[in-house]
Amino acid sequence: MQTVKLNNGLEMPILGYGVYQVTPEECERCVSEAIEVGYRLIDTAQAYYNEEGVGNAWSKSGINRNEFFLVSKVWITNCGEKRAYHSILESLDKMQTDYLDLMLIHQPFGDYYGTYRAMERAYKEGKLKAIGVSNFFPDRFVDLSNFVEIQPMINQVETHVFNQQKFAQEYMKKYGTQIMSWGPFAEGKNDFFKTPVLNEIGQKYGKSAAQTALRFLIQENIIVIPKSTHKERMKENFDVFDFELDKEDMDNIRKLDGAKSLFCDHYSPEFTEFIINYDKIHKKS
């Protein structure tokens, strides 16, 4: 597996399996199948309510813990130094491990400075091998980066061919932080899988639009965590290391960039209210 070296020297797989919107009931089965396919980077979060499924899957796999790269994220209801630290310990317990390879702040809301201090503490104690943030766009990312002791190693943001995060990446590179994609398929928006450029380029290599899109991001040195609940799709998403897009292919895909989110506006007060009330909405549903 190709890896990316983080700013603390830790090697992280460039391709992993994400479990966003995988139900708690399905998670163990899905992660177990992903492990059978060959995935070792598994990305979850406290707000996905399926950390236990990830823990059950890896621990039952018979594969040594040190072969996995396990990731979770602190949710805003656990923000603040004391509460966040306690939640990190809870995540370790749910995932049946003494350490996580990476912990992120999930959203740039609430007392995320206190949350980051809790992660720094857990990092120094060896409970976290790497720490970072998610959904921190340039203004808040730069602000946080200038007032922490340990520079974030990862910033996980919406990144796909229609939103390539070129501007945000300039600042991540400036501060030595690695970009990681969520939503590499844009959840099918904009007729993603029917995009002519992706399909035409894919045909040259005998690959699908999805494989072409993943290969593009990987060649841009972006960590990707595609999700599927179907094992055949997991295999397809994993099978992206036996071809390489040429310069013309890369340039043509770069032209797809709309430089804006297809999901949400983190600067919107309505979206902020939605995130703040996410737990209440989730429990009602």
Protein backbone atom coordinates (compact mmCIF):
# COMPACT_ATOMS: atom_id res chain seq x y z
CA MET A 1 0.00 0.00 0.00
CA GLN A 2 1.26 3.47 -0.90
CA THR A 3 1.72 5.68 2.15
CA VAL A 4 1.99 9.36 2.99
CA LYS A 5 4.47 10.59 5.61
CA LEU A 6 2.88 12.95 8.14
CA ASN A 7 4.73 15.88 9.69
CA ASN A 8 5.69 13.78 12.73
CA GLY A 9 7.20 11.04 10.54
CA LEU A 10 4.25 8.63 10.84
CA GLU A 11 3.46 6.68 7.67
CA MET A 12 -0.26 6.67 6.81
CA PRO A 13 -1.93 4.63 4.03
CA ILE A 14 -3.11 6.86 1.19
CA LEU A 15 -6.23 4.72 0.67
CA GLY A 16 -8.63 3.60 3.36
CA TYR A 17 -12.22 2.68 4.11
CA GLY A 18 -14.69 5.19 5.52
CA VAL A 19 -17.78 4.26 7.53
CA TYR A 20 -19.80 7.50 7.42
CA GLN A 21 -23.53 6.61 7.22
CA VAL A 22 -22.81 2.92 7.77
CA THR A 23 -25.34 1.88 10.40
CA PRO A 24 -24.11 0.46 13.71
CA GLU A 25 -25.84 -2.81 12.77
CA GLU A 26 -23.98 -3.05 9.44
CA CYS A 27 -20.62 -1.63 10.46
CA GLU A 28 -18.91 -4.76 11.75
CA ARG A 29 -19.85 -6.74 8.66
CA CYS A 30 -18.75 -3.94 6.29
CA VAL A 31 -15.42 -3.31 8.00
CA SER A 32 -14.71 -7.05 8.21
CA GLU A 33 -15.26 -7.33 4.44
CA ALA A 34 -13.09 -4.26 3.83
CA ILE A 35 -10.32 -5.88 5.87
CA GLU A 36 -10.67 -9.07 3.80
CA VAL A 37 -10.25 -6.97 0.65
CA GLY A 38 -7.04 -5.49 2.06
CA TYR A 39 -7.98 -2.17 3.66
CA ARG A 40 -6.03 -1.32 6.79
CA LEU A 41 -6.89 2.37 7.21
CA ILE A 42 -10.36 2.58 8.75
CA ASP A 43 -11.98 5.98 9.34
CA THR A 44 -14.86 6.47 11.79
CA ALA A 45 -16.09 9.14 14.22
CA GLN A 46 -17.91 9.51 17.51
CA ALA A 47 -20.84 11.06 15.63
CA TYR A 48 -21.16 8.04 13.33
CA TYR A 49 -22.21 5.91 16.32
CA ASN A 50 -20.37 2.89 14.91
CA GLU A 51 -16.96 2.92 16.63
CA GLU A 52 -17.89 -0.37 18.34
CA GLY A 53 -18.41 -2.02 14.95
CA VAL A 54 -14.95 -0.97 13.83
CA GLY A 55 -13.47 -2.28 17.07
CA ASN A 56 -15.27 -5.62 16.75
CA ALA A 57 -14.18 -6.03 13.12
CA TRP A 58 -10.48 -5.40 13.51
CA SER A 59 -10.19 -7.31 16.81
CA LYS A 60 -11.86 -10.40 15.32
CA SER A 61 -9.79 -10.28 12.12
CA GLY A 62 -6.81 -12.11 13.60
CA ILE A 63 -4.52 -9.42 12.19
CA ASN A 64 -2.07 -7.64 14.49
CA ARG A 65 -3.19 -4.23 15.74
CA ASN A 66 -0.03 -2.59 14.43
CA GLU A 67 -1.06 -3.39 10.86
CA PHE A 68 -4.12 -1.17 11.16
CA PHE A 69 -4.39 2.60 10.96
CA LEU A 70 -7.50 3.49 12.97
CA VAL A 71 -9.00 6.98 12.83
CA SER A 72 -11.80 8.65 14.80
CA LYS A 73 -13.03 12.18 15.44
CA VAL A 74 -14.16 14.14 18.51
CA TRP A 75 -17.70 15.46 18.12
CA ILE A 76 -18.71 18.97 19.22
CA THR A 77 -20.82 17.75 22.14
CA ASN A 78 -17.53 16.49 23.58
CA CYS A 79 -15.66 19.73 22.99
CA GLY A 80 -13.51 21.34 25.67
CA GLU A 81 -10.37 20.02 27.29
CA LYS A 82 -11.84 17.83 30.05
CA ARG A 83 -14.80 16.44 28.15
CA ALA A 84 -12.80 15.81 24.97
CA TYR A 85 -10.09 13.91 26.83
CA HIS A 86 -12.72 11.69 28.47
CA SER A 87 -14.34 11.09 25.07
CA ILE A 88 -11.00 10.03 23.59
CA LEU A 89 -10.71 7.37 26.30
CA GLU A 90 -14.26 6.26 25.50
CA SER A 91 -13.39 5.96 21.81
CA LEU A 92 -10.37 3.81 22.68
CA ASP A 93 -12.60 1.56 24.76
CA LYS A 94 -15.25 1.25 22.04
CA MET A 95 -12.62 0.50 19.42
CA GLN A 96 -10.87 -2.05 21.69
CA THR A 97 -7.44 -0.50 21.43
CA ASP A 98 -4.84 1.18 23.65
CA TYR A 99 -4.18 3.85 21.04
CA LEU A 100 -5.60 5.40 17.89
CA ASP A 101 -3.38 6.14 14.95
CA LEU A 102 -5.18 9.43 14.31
CA MET A 103 -7.79 11.53 16.12
CA LEU A 104 -9.35 14.59 14.55
CA ILE A 105 -11.57 17.45 15.70
CA HIS A 106 -14.66 16.77 13.62
CA GLN A 107 -16.01 20.31 13.20
CA PRO A 108 -14.61 23.83 13.81
CA PHE A 109 -17.30 24.76 16.33
CA GLY A 110 -17.49 24.94 20.12
CA ASP A 111 -14.36 25.02 22.27
CA TYR A 112 -12.12 23.38 19.72
CA TYR A 113 -9.04 24.96 21.30
CA GLY A 114 -9.75 23.02 24.49
CA THR A 115 -10.44 19.91 22.44
CA TYR A 116 -7.11 20.27 20.70
CA ARG A 117 -5.30 20.62 24.03
CA ALA A 118 -6.93 17.34 25.11
CA MET A 119 -5.66 15.68 21.94
CA GLU A 120 -2.18 17.09 22.52
CA ARG A 121 -2.24 15.55 26.01
CA ALA A 122 -3.37 12.16 24.67
CA TYR A 123 -0.70 12.39 21.94
CA LYS A 124 2.05 12.98 24.49
CA GLU A 125 0.74 10.04 26.53
CA GLY A 126 0.93 7.74 23.51
CA LYS A 127 -2.83 7.26 23.30
CA LEU A 128 -2.87 8.99 19.92
CA LYS A 129 -0.14 8.52 17.30
CA ALA A 130 -1.25 11.55 15.30
CA ILE A 131 -3.72 14.41 15.72
CA GLY A 132 -5.45 16.81 13.39
CA VAL A 133 -8.66 18.47 12.33
CA SER A 134 -11.57 18.02 9.95
CA ASN A 135 -13.57 20.65 8.07
CA PHE A 136 -11.22 23.44 9.12
CA PHE A 137 -11.14 25.87 6.23
CA PRO A 138 -8.29 28.37 5.75
CA ASP A 139 -9.39 31.03 8.24
CA ARG A 140 -9.91 28.72 11.21
CA PHE A 141 -7.13 26.38 10.16
CA VAL A 142 -4.56 29.18 10.14
CA ASP A 143 -5.90 30.56 13.42
CA LEU A 144 -5.66 27.21 15.20
CA SER A 145 -2.26 26.41 13.68
CA ASN A 146 -0.76 29.54 15.18
CA PHE A 147 -1.98 28.88 18.73
CA VAL A 148 -1.26 25.20 19.32
CA GLU A 149 1.83 23.41 20.57
CA ILE A 150 1.67 20.54 18.09
CA GLN A 151 0.87 21.34 14.48
CA PRO A 152 -2.10 19.40 13.05
CA MET A 153 -0.91 16.47 10.97
CA ILE A 154 -4.13 16.07 8.96
CA ASN A 155 -6.99 18.27 7.79
CA GLN A 156 -9.84 16.16 6.44
CA VAL A 157 -12.10 18.18 4.15
CA GLU A 158 -14.60 17.61 1.36
CA THR A 159 -12.36 16.88 -1.63
CA HIS A 160 -13.32 15.41 -4.99
CA VAL A 161 -12.95 16.26 -8.67
CA PHE A 162 -15.64 18.95 -8.44
CA ASN A 163 -14.12 20.57 -5.34
CA GLN A 164 -10.36 20.07 -5.35
CA GLN A 165 -9.53 22.45 -2.46
CA LYS A 166 -6.64 24.15 -4.26
CA PHE A 167 -6.80 27.31 -2.15
CA ALA A 168 -7.12 25.42 1.14
CA GLN A 169 -4.23 23.15 0.16
CA GLU A 170 -1.91 26.14 -0.22
CA TYR A 171 -2.28 26.85 3.50
CA MET A 172 -2.09 23.22 4.54
CA LYS A 173 1.21 22.91 2.69
CA LYS A 174 2.46 26.14 4.26
CA TYR A 175 1.89 24.70 7.74
CA GLY A 176 3.00 21.16 6.93
CA THR A 177 -0.45 19.58 7.26
CA GLN A 178 -1.55 16.71 5.00
CA ILE A 179 -4.90 16.94 3.23
CA MET A 180 -7.32 14.02 3.55
CA SER A 181 -10.51 13.72 1.50
CA TRP A 182 -13.99 12.97 2.68
CA GLY A 183 -16.62 12.40 0.00
CA PRO A 184 -14.19 11.43 -2.81
CA PHE A 185 -17.19 10.49 -4.98
CA ALA A 186 -19.20 13.60 -3.95
CA GLU A 187 -21.88 11.08 -2.88
CA GLY A 188 -22.88 10.83 -6.54
CA LYS A 189 -23.80 14.50 -6.91
CA ASN A 190 -23.46 16.18 -10.32
CA ASP A 191 -24.01 12.76 -11.95
CA PHE A 192 -20.54 11.94 -10.67
CA PHE A 193 -20.34 8.41 -12.06
CA LYS A 194 -21.58 9.52 -15.50
CA THR A 195 -19.06 12.36 -15.84
CA PRO A 196 -17.81 12.10 -19.47
CA VAL A 197 -14.21 13.10 -18.68
CA LEU A 198 -13.90 10.46 -15.95
CA ASN A 199 -15.46 7.75 -18.10
CA GLU A 200 -13.47 8.59 -21.23
CA ILE A 201 -10.18 8.60 -19.32
CA GLY A 202 -11.16 5.45 -17.45
CA GLN A 203 -11.82 3.59 -20.71
CA LYS A 204 -8.18 4.15 -21.72
CA TYR A 205 -7.07 2.09 -18.72
CA GLY A 206 -9.98 -0.33 -18.42
CA LYS A 207 -11.13 1.45 -15.25
CA SER A 208 -14.41 2.92 -14.01
CA ALA A 209 -15.18 6.59 -13.39
CA ALA A 210 -14.88 5.90 -9.64
CA GLN A 211 -11.45 4.31 -10.01
CA THR A 212 -10.30 7.16 -12.23
CA ALA A 213 -11.46 9.75 -9.69
CA LEU A 214 -9.68 7.96 -6.85
CA ARG A 215 -6.52 7.60 -8.90
CA PHE A 216 -6.58 11.33 -9.64
CA LEU A 217 -6.76 12.22 -5.94
CA ILE A 218 -4.04 9.71 -5.05
CA GLN A 219 -1.73 11.17 -7.69
CA GLU A 220 -2.44 14.59 -6.17
CA ASN A 221 -1.13 13.10 -2.89
CA ILE A 222 -4.55 13.27 -1.22
CA ILE A 223 -5.57 10.56 1.26
CA VAL A 224 -8.91 9.02 0.29
CA ILE A 225 -11.45 6.96 2.26
CA PRO A 226 -14.18 5.77 -0.14
CA LYS A 227 -17.19 4.05 1.39
CA SER A 228 -19.30 1.23 0.06
CA THR A 229 -21.41 -1.37 1.81
CA HIS A 230 -20.87 -3.82 -1.09
CA LYS A 231 -17.76 -5.97 -1.14
CA GLU A 232 -17.40 -5.89 -4.94
CA ARG A 233 -17.33 -2.09 -4.85
CA MET A 234 -14.82 -2.19 -2.01
CA LYS A 235 -12.60 -4.33 -4.27
CA GLU A 236 -13.05 -1.95 -7.17
CA ASN A 237 -12.15 1.06 -5.04
CA PHE A 238 -9.05 -0.76 -3.78
CA ASP A 239 -7.88 -1.66 -7.30
CA VAL A 240 -6.34 1.69 -8.24
CA PHE A 241 -2.59 1.08 -8.01
CA ASP A 242 -1.99 -0.76 -11.28
CA PHE A 243 -2.32 2.26 -13.57
CA GLU A 244 -1.20 5.88 -13.69
CA LEU A 245 -2.92 8.88 -15.25
CA ASP A 246 -0.74 10.87 -17.63
CA LYS A 247 -0.29 14.64 -17.53
CA GLU A 248 -3.07 15.28 -20.06
CA ASP A 249 -5.49 13.14 -18.06
CA MET A 250 -4.61 14.98 -14.86
CA ASP A 251 -4.98 18.39 -16.49
CA ASN A 252 -8.38 17.48 -17.95
CA ILE A 253 -9.66 16.30 -14.57
CA ARG A 254 -8.33 19.44 -12.89
CA LYS A 255 -10.62 21.43 -15.20
CA LEU A 256 -13.65 19.84 -13.48
CA ASP A 257 -12.93 21.82 -10.32
CA GLY A 258 -15.80 24.11 -9.36
CA ALA A 259 -13.98 25.22 -6.19
CA LYS A 260 -17.09 25.10 -4.01
CA SER A 261 -18.84 22.62 -1.76
CA LEU A 262 -21.60 20.38 -3.08
CA PHE A 263 -22.79 19.70 0.46
CA CYS A 264 -22.69 22.60 2.88
CA ASP A 265 -21.39 26.05 3.71
CA HIS A 266 -19.34 26.11 6.90
CA TYR A 267 -19.70 29.89 6.97
CA SER A 268 -23.51 29.63 7.06
CA PRO A 269 -25.24 30.23 10.42
CA GLU A 270 -27.98 27.80 9.38
CA PHE A 271 -25.43 25.03 8.83
CA THR A 272 -23.78 25.85 12.16
CA GLU A 273 -27.14 25.49 13.92
CA PHE A 274 -27.68 22.17 12.15
CA ILE A 275 -24.32 20.84 13.35
CA ILE A 276 -24.89 22.09 16.90
CA ASN A 277 -28.24 20.27 16.99
CA TYR A 278 -27.03 17.17 15.15
CA ASP A 279 -27.16 14.93 18.22
CA LYS A 280 -30.75 15.93 19.00
CA ILE A 281 -31.79 15.36 15.38
CA HIS A 282 -30.02 11.99 15.29
CA LYS A 283 -31.65 10.78 18.50
CA LYS A 284 -35.12 11.80 17.27
CA SER A 285 -34.61 9.84 14.06
